[in-house]
Amino acid sequence: MARLPDEEARVAVAHTCALIAAGWPTAVTRPNPAAYAWHLHTHYVSACTGTSTSHEQDTALTYDRLYLTIDRIATLAGTEPAAVTARLATASRRARRRAWGRPSR
């Protein structure tokens, strides 16, 4: 959402909600419906912007810009809090490397 202007972000969320509503039986039978919804949303945003992000970038976005807690991000992503912490560390390390003009690993 933070990669789109406000109005486009609202459209992206509405689109995601419409997809979930249209495929409700599929959504609720997934192992983690929240992770499924997040996947739909990030896929739509990527299609709109012509860019894609890594799990680390998505995690950093939800933590740094949306101010979600690590536990909340873990629920949203369908993963464990330890994995979220690792993704945040990777994103931070890559951001520092970019700031210093070093290639990411």
Protein backbone atom coordinates (compact mmCIF):
# COMPACT_ATOMS: atom_id res chain seq x y z
CA MET A 1 0.00 0.00 0.00
CA ALA A 2 2.74 2.44 0.82
CA ARG A 3 4.08 2.07 -2.72
CA LEU A 4 0.86 3.44 -4.21
CA PRO A 5 -0.71 6.90 -3.96
CA ASP A 6 -3.56 7.03 -1.43
CA GLU A 7 -6.43 6.66 -3.90
CA GLU A 8 -4.74 3.80 -5.73
CA ALA A 9 -4.05 2.12 -2.39
CA ARG A 10 -7.76 2.32 -1.53
CA VAL A 11 -8.59 0.76 -4.92
CA ALA A 12 -6.03 -2.01 -4.28
CA VAL A 13 -7.59 -2.82 -0.91
CA ALA A 14 -11.10 -2.78 -2.39
CA HIS A 15 -9.93 -5.07 -5.20
CA THR A 16 -8.42 -7.49 -2.70
CA CYS A 17 -11.63 -7.51 -0.65
CA ALA A 18 -13.67 -8.16 -3.79
CA LEU A 19 -11.42 -11.10 -4.73
CA ILE A 20 -11.77 -12.56 -1.24
CA ALA A 21 -15.55 -12.10 -1.26
CA ALA A 22 -15.88 -13.68 -4.71
CA GLY A 23 -13.79 -16.66 -3.66
CA TRP A 24 -14.88 -16.87 -0.04
CA PRO A 25 -14.97 -20.71 0.15
CA THR A 26 -11.41 -20.84 -1.19
CA ALA A 27 -10.20 -18.11 1.15
CA VAL A 28 -11.58 -19.61 4.35
CA THR A 29 -10.36 -23.12 3.60
CA ARG A 30 -6.75 -21.96 3.21
CA PRO A 31 -4.40 -22.87 6.07
CA ASN A 32 -3.99 -19.13 6.75
CA PRO A 33 -6.68 -16.89 5.22
CA ALA A 34 -4.83 -13.72 6.26
CA ALA A 35 -1.69 -14.82 4.42
CA TYR A 36 -3.81 -15.65 1.37
CA ALA A 37 -5.35 -12.16 1.45
CA TRP A 38 -1.90 -10.56 1.82
CA HIS A 39 -0.66 -12.59 -1.15
CA LEU A 40 -3.59 -11.40 -3.29
CA HIS A 41 -2.99 -7.81 -2.24
CA THR A 42 0.77 -7.77 -2.84
CA HIS A 43 0.30 -9.49 -6.19
CA TYR A 44 -2.20 -6.81 -7.25
CA VAL A 45 0.06 -3.97 -6.08
CA SER A 46 3.00 -5.53 -7.94
CA ALA A 47 0.90 -5.75 -11.10
CA CYS A 48 -0.16 -2.10 -10.75
CA THR A 49 3.36 -0.80 -10.17
CA GLY A 50 5.21 -3.16 -12.47
CA THR A 51 7.57 -4.06 -9.64
CA SER A 52 7.78 -6.89 -7.20
CA THR A 53 9.11 -7.01 -3.68
CA SER A 54 10.76 -9.67 -1.61
CA HIS A 55 9.33 -11.10 1.59
CA GLU A 56 11.93 -9.01 3.41
CA GLN A 57 10.80 -5.80 1.73
CA ASP A 58 7.13 -6.54 2.43
CA THR A 59 7.96 -7.31 6.05
CA ALA A 60 9.96 -4.10 6.44
CA LEU A 61 7.10 -2.12 4.87
CA THR A 62 4.51 -3.50 7.26
CA TYR A 63 6.81 -2.93 10.24
CA ASP A 64 8.33 0.47 9.37
CA ARG A 65 5.46 2.16 7.52
CA LEU A 66 2.30 0.46 8.76
CA TYR A 67 3.62 0.03 12.32
CA LEU A 68 2.42 -3.54 12.73
CA THR A 69 3.94 -5.63 15.48
CA ILE A 70 6.13 -8.63 14.75
CA ASP A 71 3.39 -10.97 15.98
CA ARG A 72 0.79 -9.25 13.79
CA ILE A 73 3.07 -9.45 10.74
CA ALA A 74 3.68 -13.15 11.43
CA THR A 75 -0.07 -13.76 11.47
CA LEU A 76 -0.56 -11.75 8.30
CA ALA A 77 2.28 -13.52 6.47
CA GLY A 78 1.41 -16.97 7.76
CA THR A 79 4.79 -17.45 9.37
CA GLU A 80 6.45 -17.49 12.79
CA PRO A 81 7.60 -14.36 14.66
CA ALA A 82 11.20 -15.62 14.44
CA ALA A 83 10.95 -15.62 10.64
CA VAL A 84 9.63 -12.05 10.70
CA THR A 85 12.55 -10.99 12.90
CA ALA A 86 14.98 -12.64 10.47
CA ARG A 87 13.34 -10.92 7.50
CA LEU A 88 13.57 -7.55 9.23
CA ALA A 89 17.26 -8.12 9.94
CA THR A 90 17.89 -9.05 6.30
CA ALA A 91 16.00 -5.97 5.04
CA SER A 92 17.93 -3.73 7.42
CA ARG A 93 21.26 -5.22 6.37
CA ARG A 94 20.40 -4.77 2.68
CA ALA A 95 19.29 -1.17 3.25
CA ARG A 96 22.58 -0.38 5.01
CA ARG A 97 24.55 -1.96 2.17
CA ARG A 98 22.62 0.12 -0.39
CA ALA A 99 23.22 3.28 1.65
CA TRP A 100 26.95 2.57 1.56
CA GLY A 101 26.88 1.81 -2.16
CA ARG A 102 27.60 -1.88 -1.71
CA PRO A 103 25.76 -4.55 -3.69
CA SER A 104 23.19 -6.67 -1.87
CA ARG A 105 23.93 -10.31 -1.30
